[in-house]
Amino acid sequence: MVQPNLTRSPYEQRPAGRLGEWLVASALLILTLPLIVVVAVAIKCESAEPILVRQSRIGAGGQYYVAVKFRTTRVAGQISGNGGQTGVARHMTRLGWFLRQTRIENLPQLVNVFRGEMSCVNPRFGYPFFLD
C-alpha cells in the first residue's frame, strides 16, 4: 500500500501539474484583468472601505497562506438597522451580493494559484480555527 506524502504539497510532487496551474492562472489573470479593474473601481465607488479582504487559510500540506478576495460585506461600523434582513444578508453590499452569486469575488485568488498556494482544481481550503 502506498502512503501519501503529507509533508510536501501536491505541487512539489508533480512539477508538470504545478506548471499547468501556473499557466492556467496566468491566462485567467490576463483574460479577467479588465473585469477585475471594473469590479475594483465599483467597490471603491460604493464605499470608501478596502477593496480586498485577506483571510488566513490552510492549504495543501498544512501550510498557511493568505487568500485574497474582493470585499462583499460592509465593515461593522457601517451596519445600521437590519431593514428586515437577517444574518449575512444585512452585512452584504448591493454589489457584494452580485459578486457572490457570480463567484467574481474569488477572481483575486488567481494570485494565490499563481504563487502556488492553492489550486484551480478543487480549491479546498481550511480555516485555521476549524483545524486547531
Protein backbone atom coordinates (compact mmCIF):
# COMPACT_ATOMS: atom_id res chain seq x y z
CA MET A 1 0.00 0.00 0.00
CA VAL A 2 1.33 3.43 -0.95
CA GLN A 3 1.27 6.08 1.78
CA PRO A 4 0.72 9.70 0.72
CA ASN A 5 3.48 12.17 1.48
CA LEU A 6 1.79 14.79 3.68
CA THR A 7 4.96 16.77 4.30
CA ARG A 8 5.15 18.12 0.76
CA SER A 9 2.42 19.85 -1.17
CA PRO A 10 0.94 18.07 -4.21
CA TYR A 11 2.52 20.72 -6.48
CA GLU A 12 6.00 19.80 -5.29
CA GLN A 13 5.25 16.16 -6.01
CA ARG A 14 4.18 16.85 -9.61
CA PRO A 15 6.12 19.68 -11.30
CA ALA A 16 4.11 19.29 -14.52
CA GLY A 17 0.90 19.84 -12.57
CA ARG A 18 2.34 22.96 -10.98
CA LEU A 19 3.36 24.27 -14.39
CA GLY A 20 -0.19 23.66 -15.65
CA GLU A 21 -1.65 25.53 -12.67
CA TRP A 22 0.72 28.41 -13.29
CA LEU A 23 -0.23 28.60 -16.98
CA VAL A 24 -3.96 28.45 -16.23
CA ALA A 25 -3.69 31.12 -13.53
CA SER A 26 -1.62 33.37 -15.81
CA ALA A 27 -4.07 33.03 -18.69
CA LEU A 28 -7.10 33.64 -16.48
CA LEU A 29 -5.48 36.67 -14.83
CA ILE A 30 -4.75 38.19 -18.24
CA LEU A 31 -8.25 37.45 -19.57
CA THR A 32 -10.08 38.71 -16.49
CA LEU A 33 -7.90 41.74 -15.78
CA PRO A 34 -10.40 44.21 -17.31
CA LEU A 35 -13.21 42.71 -15.20
CA ILE A 36 -11.04 42.82 -12.07
CA VAL A 37 -10.31 46.51 -12.65
CA VAL A 38 -14.01 47.32 -13.22
CA VAL A 39 -15.05 45.45 -10.07
CA ALA A 40 -12.32 47.15 -8.00
CA VAL A 41 -13.47 50.58 -9.17
CA ALA A 42 -17.13 49.68 -8.49
CA ILE A 43 -16.33 48.52 -4.95
CA LYS A 44 -14.36 51.70 -4.29
CA CYS A 45 -17.23 53.85 -5.64
CA GLU A 46 -19.75 52.03 -3.45
CA SER A 47 -17.76 52.55 -0.26
CA ALA A 48 -14.53 54.12 0.95
CA GLU A 49 -13.57 50.84 2.62
CA PRO A 50 -10.83 48.50 1.32
CA ILE A 51 -11.38 46.72 -1.98
CA LEU A 52 -9.77 43.42 -0.97
CA VAL A 53 -10.17 41.16 2.03
CA ARG A 54 -7.38 38.91 3.26
CA GLN A 55 -8.28 35.68 5.03
CA SER A 56 -5.93 33.16 6.63
CA ARG A 57 -6.27 29.64 5.21
CA ILE A 58 -4.56 26.29 5.47
CA GLY A 59 -3.65 24.71 2.16
CA ALA A 60 -2.02 21.53 0.95
CA GLY A 61 0.49 20.01 3.32
CA GLY A 62 -0.89 22.06 6.22
CA GLN A 63 0.81 25.25 5.04
CA TYR A 64 -0.75 28.59 5.98
CA TYR A 65 -1.41 31.20 3.32
CA VAL A 66 -3.46 34.36 2.96
CA ALA A 67 -6.35 34.16 0.47
CA VAL A 68 -7.27 37.41 -1.25
CA LYS A 69 -10.88 38.13 -2.25
CA PHE A 70 -13.00 41.11 -3.19
CA ARG A 71 -14.82 42.65 -0.23
CA THR A 72 -18.53 41.83 -0.40
CA THR A 73 -19.67 42.89 3.06
CA ARG A 74 -19.89 46.16 4.94
CA VAL A 75 -17.49 46.99 7.71
CA ALA A 76 -19.09 46.53 11.16
CA GLY A 77 -19.31 50.29 11.78
CA GLN A 78 -21.39 50.83 8.62
CA ILE A 79 -24.22 48.45 9.56
CA SER A 80 -27.28 50.30 10.74
CA GLY A 81 -30.64 48.62 11.28
CA ASN A 82 -31.39 45.40 9.52
CA GLY A 83 -34.35 46.52 7.44
CA GLY A 84 -35.96 43.10 7.89
CA GLN A 85 -32.86 41.26 6.78
CA THR A 86 -31.10 38.72 8.95
CA GLY A 87 -27.69 37.11 9.15
CA VAL A 88 -25.15 37.75 6.42
CA ALA A 89 -27.69 39.43 4.10
CA ARG A 90 -27.75 42.63 6.15
CA HIS A 91 -23.95 42.83 6.08
CA MET A 92 -23.70 42.42 2.33
CA THR A 93 -23.33 45.33 -0.02
CA ARG A 94 -25.52 45.52 -3.13
CA LEU A 95 -22.53 44.83 -5.34
CA GLY A 96 -21.31 42.14 -2.91
CA TRP A 97 -24.46 40.09 -3.40
CA PHE A 98 -23.89 40.07 -7.17
CA LEU A 99 -20.21 39.23 -6.76
CA ARG A 100 -21.01 36.23 -4.56
CA GLN A 101 -23.77 34.95 -6.84
CA THR A 102 -21.49 35.08 -9.88
CA ARG A 103 -18.36 33.98 -7.94
CA ILE A 104 -16.50 37.04 -9.23
CA GLU A 105 -15.42 37.73 -5.63
CA ASN A 106 -12.92 34.88 -5.99
CA LEU A 107 -11.03 36.22 -9.02
CA PRO A 108 -8.23 37.73 -6.88
CA GLN A 109 -7.50 34.20 -5.64
CA LEU A 110 -5.90 33.56 -9.02
CA VAL A 111 -2.89 35.34 -7.50
CA ASN A 112 -2.80 32.61 -4.83
CA VAL A 113 -2.92 29.97 -7.56
CA PHE A 114 -0.17 31.79 -9.47
CA ARG A 115 2.02 31.75 -6.34
CA GLY A 116 1.32 28.03 -5.79
CA GLU A 117 -0.57 28.46 -2.51
CA MET A 118 -3.77 26.89 -3.80
CA SER A 119 -5.06 25.01 -6.83
CA CYS A 120 -7.55 25.86 -9.57
CA VAL A 121 -8.89 22.34 -9.44
CA ASN A 122 -10.84 21.59 -6.27
CA PRO A 123 -9.53 24.59 -4.31
CA ARG A 124 -10.49 23.18 -0.93
CA PHE A 125 -9.17 25.22 1.93
CA GLY A 126 -9.38 25.07 5.66
CA TYR A 127 -9.97 27.82 8.13
CA PRO A 128 -7.24 27.55 10.77
CA PHE A 129 -9.71 27.71 13.67
CA PHE A 130 -11.59 24.65 12.34
CA LEU A 131 -8.42 22.58 12.16
CA ASP A 132 -6.93 23.53 15.55
